[in-house]
N, C-alpha and C. Protein backbone atom coordinates (compact mmCIF):
# COMPACT_ATOMS: atom_id res chain seq x y z
N MET A 1 11.99 12.86 18.50
CA MET A 1 12.64 12.63 17.24
C MET A 1 13.02 11.04 17.02
N ARG A 2 13.01 10.68 18.19
CA ARG A 2 12.95 8.68 18.11
C ARG A 2 11.83 8.25 17.04
N LYS A 3 10.53 8.75 17.80
CA LYS A 3 9.20 8.42 16.76
C LYS A 3 9.53 8.66 15.23
N ASN A 4 10.24 9.43 14.89
CA ASN A 4 10.29 10.20 13.50
C ASN A 4 11.29 9.07 12.82
N ARG A 5 12.30 8.80 13.63
CA ARG A 5 13.00 7.96 13.04
C ARG A 5 12.64 6.39 13.06
N THR A 6 11.67 5.88 13.66
CA THR A 6 11.00 4.85 13.65
C THR A 6 10.04 4.83 12.16
N LYS A 7 9.45 6.01 12.33
CA LYS A 7 8.20 6.05 11.19
C LYS A 7 9.18 6.13 10.12
N ASP A 8 10.12 6.81 9.88
CA ASP A 8 11.20 7.02 8.51
C ASP A 8 11.41 5.35 8.24
N HIS A 9 12.01 4.80 9.23
CA HIS A 9 12.15 3.39 9.05
C HIS A 9 11.06 2.55 8.45
N ASP A 10 9.92 2.63 9.13
CA ASP A 10 8.75 1.92 8.57
C ASP A 10 8.29 2.23 7.56
N ASN A 11 8.53 3.55 7.06
CA ASN A 11 8.00 3.62 5.41
C ASN A 11 9.20 2.93 4.24
N VAL A 12 10.26 3.35 4.84
CA VAL A 12 11.07 2.38 3.80
C VAL A 12 10.60 1.01 3.84
N PHE A 13 10.63 0.30 5.15
CA PHE A 13 10.25 -1.30 5.22
C PHE A 13 9.09 -1.20 4.44
N PHE A 14 7.90 -0.35 4.41
CA PHE A 14 6.90 -0.96 3.43
C PHE A 14 7.00 -0.91 2.35
N TRP A 15 7.49 0.28 1.70
CA TRP A 15 8.35 0.18 0.33
C TRP A 15 9.18 -1.14 -0.22
N GLU A 16 9.84 -1.21 0.55
CA GLU A 16 10.59 -2.33 0.14
C GLU A 16 10.23 -3.83 0.07
N THR A 17 9.46 -3.94 1.20
CA THR A 17 8.10 -4.94 1.24
C THR A 17 7.22 -5.24 -0.20
N ALA A 18 6.86 -4.26 -0.20
CA ALA A 18 5.96 -3.95 -1.17
C ALA A 18 6.35 -4.24 -2.71
N ARG A 19 7.69 -3.45 -2.86
CA ARG A 19 8.29 -3.96 -4.25
C ARG A 19 8.67 -5.39 -4.35
N ARG A 20 9.31 -6.01 -3.04
CA ARG A 20 9.80 -7.26 -3.04
C ARG A 20 8.63 -8.32 -3.41
N PHE A 21 7.31 -8.06 -2.66
CA PHE A 21 6.06 -8.86 -2.92
C PHE A 21 5.93 -8.85 -4.58
N LEU A 22 5.54 -7.50 -5.09
CA LEU A 22 5.23 -7.39 -6.54
C LEU A 22 6.12 -8.06 -7.50
N ASP A 23 7.44 -7.57 -7.34
CA ASP A 23 8.61 -8.06 -8.00
C ASP A 23 9.17 -9.29 -8.02
N TYR A 24 9.18 -10.00 -6.85
CA TYR A 24 9.77 -11.00 -6.54
C TYR A 24 8.90 -12.12 -5.93
N GLU A 25 8.32 -12.14 -5.02
CA GLU A 25 7.18 -13.03 -4.75
C GLU A 25 6.22 -13.62 -5.53
N LEU A 26 5.46 -12.57 -6.05
CA LEU A 26 4.13 -13.09 -7.01
C LEU A 26 4.93 -13.71 -8.08
N LEU A 27 5.88 -13.14 -8.84
CA LEU A 27 6.43 -13.93 -10.25
C LEU A 27 7.51 -14.84 -9.76
N LYS A 28 8.32 -15.17 -8.86
CA LYS A 28 9.10 -16.02 -8.97
C LYS A 28 8.75 -17.07 -8.09
N ILE A 29 8.33 -16.58 -6.82
CA ILE A 29 7.58 -17.75 -5.74
C ILE A 29 6.17 -18.53 -6.18
N ARG A 30 5.50 -17.37 -6.51
CA ARG A 30 3.89 -17.69 -6.68
C ARG A 30 3.83 -18.18 -8.20
N LYS A 31 4.69 -17.81 -8.87
CA LYS A 31 4.49 -18.00 -10.37
C LYS A 31 3.34 -17.43 -11.14
N LYS A 32 2.83 -16.18 -10.49
CA LYS A 32 1.74 -15.42 -11.00
C LYS A 32 2.26 -14.63 -12.55
N SER A 33 1.15 -14.54 -13.53
CA SER A 33 1.22 -14.20 -14.80
C SER A 33 1.65 -12.40 -14.33
N LEU A 34 2.21 -11.48 -15.33
CA LEU A 34 2.58 -10.39 -15.29
C LEU A 34 1.31 -9.69 -15.26
N ASN A 35 0.09 -10.03 -15.76
CA ASN A 35 -1.27 -9.36 -15.77
C ASN A 35 -1.53 -9.35 -14.30
N THR A 36 -1.54 -10.56 -13.50
CA THR A 36 -1.74 -10.55 -11.91
C THR A 36 -1.03 -9.33 -11.39
N VAL A 37 0.49 -9.49 -11.46
CA VAL A 37 1.28 -8.90 -10.94
C VAL A 37 0.71 -7.43 -11.29
N ALA A 38 0.58 -6.84 -12.60
CA ALA A 38 -0.26 -5.53 -12.67
C ALA A 38 -1.31 -5.28 -12.10
N ALA A 39 -2.24 -6.49 -11.87
CA ALA A 39 -3.59 -5.86 -11.18
C ALA A 39 -3.20 -5.73 -9.69
N TYR A 40 -1.91 -6.49 -9.10
CA TYR A 40 -2.22 -6.15 -7.51
C TYR A 40 -1.56 -4.78 -7.59
N ARG A 41 -0.82 -4.39 -8.37
CA ARG A 41 0.11 -3.10 -8.51
C ARG A 41 -0.82 -1.96 -8.61
N THR A 42 -1.59 -2.09 -9.47
CA THR A 42 -2.76 -0.95 -9.77
C THR A 42 -3.69 -1.04 -8.28
N SER A 43 -4.23 -2.08 -7.98
CA SER A 43 -4.79 -2.21 -6.58
C SER A 43 -4.22 -1.44 -5.59
N LEU A 44 -2.72 -1.86 -5.14
CA LEU A 44 -2.09 -1.00 -4.42
C LEU A 44 -2.12 0.48 -4.45
N ASN A 45 -1.80 0.57 -5.83
CA ASN A 45 -1.58 1.96 -6.05
C ASN A 45 -2.83 2.97 -5.67
N ILE A 46 -3.92 2.36 -5.80
CA ILE A 46 -5.12 2.85 -5.89
C ILE A 46 -5.94 3.36 -4.40
N CYS A 47 -4.82 2.10 -3.32
CA CYS A 47 -5.23 2.16 -1.88
C CYS A 47 -4.22 3.37 -1.65
N ILE A 48 -3.00 3.69 -2.32
CA ILE A 48 -2.14 4.45 -1.49
C ILE A 48 -2.82 5.81 -1.95
N ASP A 49 -3.19 5.62 -3.23
CA ASP A 49 -3.77 7.30 -3.64
C ASP A 49 -5.34 7.47 -2.56
N TYR A 50 -5.97 6.71 -2.11
CA TYR A 50 -6.48 6.57 -1.13
C TYR A 50 -6.22 7.54 0.22
N LEU A 51 -5.06 6.94 0.37
CA LEU A 51 -4.49 7.13 2.00
C LEU A 51 -3.83 8.98 1.48
N GLU A 52 -3.63 9.10 0.41
CA GLU A 52 -3.06 10.21 0.04
C GLU A 52 -3.87 11.42 0.26
N ASP A 53 -4.74 11.09 -0.59
CA ASP A 53 -5.78 11.85 -1.04
C ASP A 53 -6.80 12.24 -0.01
N ALA A 54 -7.44 11.08 0.67
CA ALA A 54 -8.28 11.13 1.66
C ALA A 54 -7.82 11.37 3.14
N LYS A 55 -6.79 10.73 3.41
CA LYS A 55 -6.44 10.88 4.57
C LYS A 55 -5.11 11.71 4.71
N GLY A 56 -4.55 12.55 3.69
CA GLY A 56 -3.47 13.30 3.88
C GLY A 56 -2.00 12.76 4.06
N ILE A 57 -2.09 11.70 3.87
CA ILE A 57 -0.94 10.79 4.28
C ILE A 57 -0.02 11.19 2.98
N ARG A 58 1.05 11.79 3.19
CA ARG A 58 2.31 11.72 1.84
C ARG A 58 2.54 10.33 1.68
N ARG A 59 2.57 10.09 0.30
CA ARG A 59 2.93 8.99 -0.42
C ARG A 59 4.12 8.42 0.31
N GLU A 60 5.06 9.16 0.04
CA GLU A 60 6.52 8.52 0.56
C GLU A 60 6.80 8.35 2.35
N ASN A 61 5.49 8.93 2.74
CA ASN A 61 5.64 8.40 4.14
C ASN A 61 4.59 7.30 4.53
N ILE A 62 4.28 7.14 3.52
CA ILE A 62 3.10 5.54 4.09
C ILE A 62 4.16 4.68 4.28
N CYS A 63 3.27 3.93 5.88
CA CYS A 63 4.01 2.71 6.19
C CYS A 63 2.95 1.94 6.74
N PHE A 64 3.32 0.47 7.10
CA PHE A 64 2.26 -0.58 7.57
C PHE A 64 1.12 -0.13 8.77
N SER A 65 1.72 0.74 9.46
CA SER A 65 0.87 1.25 10.50
C SER A 65 -0.46 2.12 10.00
N ASP A 66 -0.30 2.70 8.66
CA ASP A 66 -1.11 3.44 8.04
C ASP A 66 -2.14 2.47 7.46
N LEU A 67 -2.10 1.39 7.23
CA LEU A 67 -2.92 0.22 6.77
C LEU A 67 -3.45 -0.35 8.09
N ASP A 68 -4.03 0.16 8.88
CA ASP A 68 -4.86 -0.15 10.28
C ASP A 68 -6.26 -0.58 9.94
N LYS A 69 -6.69 -1.49 10.59
CA LYS A 69 -8.04 -1.61 10.56
C LYS A 69 -9.16 -0.64 10.02
N GLU A 70 -9.10 0.83 10.76
CA GLU A 70 -9.90 1.68 10.52
C GLU A 70 -9.63 2.40 9.06
N ASN A 71 -8.51 2.72 8.26
CA ASN A 71 -8.55 3.05 7.29
C ASN A 71 -8.66 1.88 5.90
N LEU A 72 -8.57 0.76 6.42
CA LEU A 72 -8.97 0.00 5.17
C LEU A 72 -10.51 -0.25 5.10
N LYS A 73 -11.07 -0.30 6.33
CA LYS A 73 -12.59 -0.24 6.38
C LYS A 73 -12.97 1.07 5.68
N GLU A 74 -12.60 2.05 5.79
CA GLU A 74 -12.88 3.34 5.15
C GLU A 74 -12.41 3.41 3.87
N TYR A 75 -11.40 2.78 3.69
CA TYR A 75 -11.07 2.34 2.21
C TYR A 75 -11.95 1.68 1.21
N LEU A 76 -12.16 0.54 1.90
CA LEU A 76 -13.46 0.01 1.21
C LEU A 76 -14.70 0.48 1.11
N MET A 77 -15.23 1.02 2.09
CA MET A 77 -16.35 2.05 1.88
C MET A 77 -16.22 2.81 0.83
N TRP A 78 -15.00 3.65 0.66
CA TRP A 78 -14.60 4.73 -0.39
C TRP A 78 -14.73 4.02 -2.03
N MET A 79 -14.04 3.01 -1.81
CA MET A 79 -14.47 1.92 -3.01
C MET A 79 -15.67 1.70 -3.69
N THR A 80 -16.51 1.26 -2.54
CA THR A 80 -17.97 0.91 -2.97
C THR A 80 -18.63 1.96 -3.05
N GLU A 81 -19.04 3.09 -2.19
CA GLU A 81 -19.47 4.27 -2.62
C GLU A 81 -19.04 5.23 -3.36
N ASP A 82 -17.92 5.70 -3.50
CA ASP A 82 -17.09 6.79 -4.40
C ASP A 82 -16.85 6.03 -5.59
N LYS A 83 -16.14 5.08 -5.72
CA LYS A 83 -15.42 4.20 -6.81
C LYS A 83 -16.59 3.42 -7.72
N LYS A 84 -17.71 3.14 -6.65
CA LYS A 84 -18.52 1.77 -7.63
C LYS A 84 -17.77 0.77 -8.06
C-alpha cells in the first residue's frame, strides 16, 4: 500500500512540475514566446501519448520514474522509426 501512496504522490508531483515549467518557468523566468511554450507542450504530450499507448501507462498515473533511460530511448526510436 505504501508503494501506491508514493506513486500517487510522484504522479501529482510530475503533473505539478510540468504545469509549473510550461506556465511559469518558460514564460516568466526564461521569457520564451507563447509559440515556444506551445511547442514544448506539444512535445510533452506526444511523449505522454507514447507512454500511454505503447507502454500502457495511464496518463493520470505517469510520474518521473516512467521517464527512465529505457523508456526515453524507446520513445526516441519510436519517434524516428514510426513517426518519422
